[in-house]
C-alpha atoms as a PDB file:
ATOM      1  CA  GLN A   1     -16.133   3.317 -11.246  1.00  0.00           C
ATOM      2  CA  VAL A   2     -12.480   2.211 -10.551  1.00  0.00           C
ATOM      3  CA  GLN A   3     -12.120  -0.951  -8.561  1.00  0.00           C
ATOM      4  CA  LEU A   4      -8.992  -1.657  -6.480  1.00  0.00           C
ATOM      5  CA  LEU A   5      -7.613  -5.077  -5.627  1.00  0.00           C
ATOM      6  CA  GLU A   6      -4.908  -5.540  -3.109  1.00  0.00           C
ATOM      7  CA  SER A   7      -2.877  -8.628  -2.460  1.00  0.00           C
ATOM      8  CA  GLY A   8       0.362  -9.810  -1.187  1.00  0.00           C
ATOM      9  CA  GLY A   9      -0.262  -9.694   2.619  1.00  0.00           C
ATOM     10  CA  GLY A  10       0.376 -12.475   4.891  1.00  0.00           C
ATOM     11  CA  LEU A  11       2.104 -13.607   8.016  1.00  0.00           C
ATOM     12  CA  VAL A  12       5.755 -12.658   8.181  1.00  0.00           C
ATOM     13  CA  GLN A  13       8.413 -12.922  10.946  1.00  0.00           C
ATOM     14  CA  PRO A  14       9.935  -9.711  12.367  1.00  0.00           C
ATOM     15  CA  GLY A  15      12.718  -8.556   9.966  1.00  0.00           C
ATOM     16  CA  GLY A  16      11.045 -10.081   7.111  1.00  0.00           C
ATOM     17  CA  SER A  17       9.800  -8.696   3.844  1.00  0.00           C
ATOM     18  CA  LEU A  18       6.607  -8.555   1.992  1.00  0.00           C
ATOM     19  CA  THR A  19       5.541  -6.931  -1.295  1.00  0.00           C
ATOM     20  CA  LEU A  20       2.125  -5.737  -1.666  1.00  0.00           C
ATOM     21  CA  SER A  21       0.333  -5.109  -5.020  1.00  0.00           C
ATOM     22  CA  CYS A  22      -2.704  -3.247  -5.906  1.00  0.00           C
ATOM     23  CA  ALA A  23      -4.388  -3.545  -9.282  1.00  0.00           C
ATOM     24  CA  ALA A  24      -6.758  -0.874 -10.462  1.00  0.00           C
ATOM     25  CA  SER A  25      -9.318  -1.198 -13.160  1.00  0.00           C
ATOM     26  CA  GLY A  26      -9.904   1.604 -15.595  1.00  0.00           C
ATOM     27  CA  SER A  27      -7.551   3.743 -17.865  1.00  0.00           C
ATOM     28  CA  ILE A  28      -7.104   6.840 -15.606  1.00  0.00           C
ATOM     29  CA  PHE A  29      -4.591   5.156 -13.148  1.00  0.00           C
ATOM     30  CA  SER A  30      -1.573   6.576 -14.739  1.00  0.00           C
ATOM     31  CA  ILE A  31      -2.529  10.212 -14.165  1.00  0.00           C
ATOM     32  CA  ARG A  32      -3.440   9.866 -10.378  1.00  0.00           C
ATOM     33  CA  ALA A  33      -1.119   9.996  -7.456  1.00  0.00           C
ATOM     34  CA  MET A  34      -1.541   6.791  -5.469  1.00  0.00           C
ATOM     35  CA  GLY A  35      -1.037   5.823  -1.875  1.00  0.00           C
ATOM     36  CA  TRP A  36      -0.847   2.919   0.365  1.00  0.00           C
ATOM     37  CA  TYR A  37      -2.706   3.125   3.602  1.00  0.00           C
ATOM     38  CA  ARG A  38      -2.687   1.018   6.843  1.00  0.00           C
ATOM     39  CA  GLN A  39      -5.423   0.444   9.224  1.00  0.00           C
ATOM     40  CA  VAL A  40      -5.251  -1.331  12.491  1.00  0.00           C
ATOM     41  CA  PRO A  41      -8.707  -2.402  14.047  1.00  0.00           C
ATOM     42  CA  GLY A  42     -10.155   0.330  15.944  1.00  0.00           C
ATOM     43  CA  LYS A  43      -7.871   3.019  14.596  1.00  0.00           C
ATOM     44  CA  GLN A  44      -8.055   5.509  11.763  1.00  0.00           C
ATOM     45  CA  ARG A  45      -6.569   4.641   8.316  1.00  0.00           C
ATOM     46  CA  GLU A  46      -3.030   6.204   8.052  1.00  0.00           C
ATOM     47  CA  VAL A  47      -1.064   6.794   4.967  1.00  0.00           C
ATOM     48  CA  MET A  48       2.383   4.893   4.585  1.00  0.00           C
ATOM     49  CA  ALA A  49       3.558   5.898   1.282  1.00  0.00           C
ATOM     50  CA  THR A  50       2.437   7.842  -1.783  1.00  0.00           C
ATOM     51  CA  ILE A  51       3.669   8.184  -5.413  1.00  0.00           C
ATOM     52  CA  THR A  52       2.759  10.787  -7.915  1.00  0.00           C
ATOM     53  CA  SER A  53       2.053  10.163 -11.513  1.00  0.00           C
ATOM     54  CA  GLY A  54       5.596  11.052 -12.110  1.00  0.00           C
ATOM     55  CA  ARG A  55       6.654   8.431  -9.757  1.00  0.00           C
ATOM     56  CA  ARG A  56       7.991  10.753  -6.991  1.00  0.00           C
ATOM     57  CA  PRO A  57       7.658   8.732  -3.802  1.00  0.00           C
ATOM     58  CA  ASN A  58       6.980  10.049  -0.131  1.00  0.00           C
ATOM     59  CA  TYR A  59       6.942   7.947   2.915  1.00  0.00           C
ATOM     60  CA  ALA A  60       5.486   8.196   6.442  1.00  0.00           C
ATOM     61  CA  ASP A  61       8.286   8.416   9.014  1.00  0.00           C
ATOM     62  CA  SER A  62       7.575   4.931  10.058  1.00  0.00           C
ATOM     63  CA  GLY A  63       8.330   3.497   6.705  1.00  0.00           C
ATOM     64  CA  LYS A  64      11.287   5.635   5.648  1.00  0.00           C
ATOM     65  CA  GLY A  65      14.318   3.598   4.852  1.00  0.00           C
ATOM     66  CA  ARG A  66      12.214   0.378   4.954  1.00  0.00           C
ATOM     67  CA  PHE A  67       9.472   0.716   2.408  1.00  0.00           C
ATOM     68  CA  THR A  68       9.575   1.330  -1.289  1.00  0.00           C
ATOM     69  CA  ILE A  69       6.502   2.299  -3.247  1.00  0.00           C
ATOM     70  CA  SER A  70       6.455   1.932  -7.013  1.00  0.00           C
ATOM     71  CA  ARG A  71       4.062   1.698  -9.865  1.00  0.00           C
ATOM     72  CA  ASP A  72       3.633   0.149 -13.200  1.00  0.00           C
ATOM     73  CA  ASN A  73       1.281   2.167 -15.285  1.00  0.00           C
ATOM     74  CA  ALA A  74       1.115  -0.298 -18.068  1.00  0.00           C
ATOM     75  CA  LYS A  75      -0.297  -2.830 -15.486  1.00  0.00           C
ATOM     76  CA  ASN A  76      -2.380  -0.212 -13.613  1.00  0.00           C
ATOM     77  CA  THR A  77      -0.542  -1.454 -10.482  1.00  0.00           C
ATOM     78  CA  VAL A  78       1.041   0.172  -7.571  1.00  0.00           C
ATOM     79  CA  TYR A  79       3.307  -1.689  -5.202  1.00  0.00           C
ATOM     80  CA  LEU A  80       4.704  -1.589  -1.721  1.00  0.00           C
ATOM     81  CA  GLN A  81       7.753  -3.255  -0.931  1.00  0.00           C
ATOM     82  CA  MET A  82       8.177  -3.592   2.965  1.00  0.00           C
ATOM     83  CA  ASN A  83      11.573  -4.582   4.441  1.00  0.00           C
ATOM     84  CA  SER A  84      12.763  -5.040   7.938  1.00  0.00           C
ATOM     85  CA  LEU A  85       9.272  -5.468   9.271  1.00  0.00           C
ATOM     86  CA  LYS A  86       8.738  -4.846  12.891  1.00  0.00           C
ATOM     87  CA  PRO A  87       6.355  -6.692  15.256  1.00  0.00           C
ATOM     88  CA  GLU A  88       3.040  -5.033  15.438  1.00  0.00           C
ATOM     89  CA  ALA A  89      -0.682  -5.532  15.616  1.00  0.00           C
ATOM     90  CA  PRO A  90      -2.209  -7.077  12.586  1.00  0.00           C
ATOM     91  CA  ALA A  91      -3.153  -4.337   9.937  1.00  0.00           C
ATOM     92  CA  VAL A  92      -4.997  -4.181   6.734  1.00  0.00           C
ATOM     93  CA  TYR A  93      -3.130  -2.355   3.847  1.00  0.00           C
ATOM     94  CA  TYR A  94      -5.237  -0.592   1.305  1.00  0.00           C
ATOM     95  CA  CYS A  95      -4.330   1.454  -1.687  1.00  0.00           C
ATOM     96  CA  ASN A  96      -6.197   4.404  -3.011  1.00  0.00           C
ATOM     97  CA  THR A  97      -5.523   7.775  -4.727  1.00  0.00           C
ATOM     98  CA  LEU A  98      -3.865  10.455  -2.731  1.00  0.00           C
ATOM     99  CA  ARG A  99      -7.293  12.111  -2.442  1.00  0.00           C
ATOM    100  CA  ARG A 100      -8.904   8.779  -1.363  1.00  0.00           C
ATOM    101  CA  ASP A 101     -11.594   9.342  -3.898  1.00  0.00           C
ATOM    102  CA  TRP A 102     -11.910   5.895  -5.214  1.00  0.00           C
ATOM    103  CA  GLY A 103     -13.898   3.172  -3.602  1.00  0.00           C
ATOM    104  CA  TRP A 104     -11.799   1.143  -1.159  1.00  0.00           C
ATOM    105  CA  GLY A 105     -10.886  -2.331  -1.989  1.00  0.00           C
ATOM    106  CA  GLN A 106     -10.898  -5.239   0.521  1.00  0.00           C
ATOM    107  CA  GLY A 107      -7.316  -4.569   1.562  1.00  0.00           C
ATOM    108  CA  THR A 108      -4.636  -7.097   2.356  1.00  0.00           C
ATOM    109  CA  GLN A 109      -3.805  -8.147   5.815  1.00  0.00           C
ATOM    110  CA  VAL A 110      -0.315  -7.949   7.115  1.00  0.00           C
ATOM    111  CA  THR A 111       0.755  -9.631  10.357  1.00  0.00           C
ATOM    112  CA  VAL A 112       4.290  -9.427  11.675  1.00  0.00           C
ATOM    113  CA  SER A 113       4.742 -11.824  14.416  1.00  0.00           C
ATOM    114  CA  SER A 114       7.214 -14.658  15.471  1.00  0.00           C
END
């Protein structure tokens, strides 16, 4: 059973930056497309960015130009660099495969507020 551990969230001012990390246990990480997902309380989890095993990224419209997803297969870790953050309701960011077929981690909360 692969376990996911997200970190790097916090409180940041509008316009600021954060880099989220997600470490996965297990040796099959490198062959799976991965994604970062965002969930606001009371709403469905939405995909923000994905990256293939070949490191091809894709972004939700809301993150294009501001977010960068990357991965380090040697560390079984996927990252999400978020720049120019906008004020919004606190959200929890999760990582998972593109198919969302690994157990969800606890996520890491991001709050953008002045």
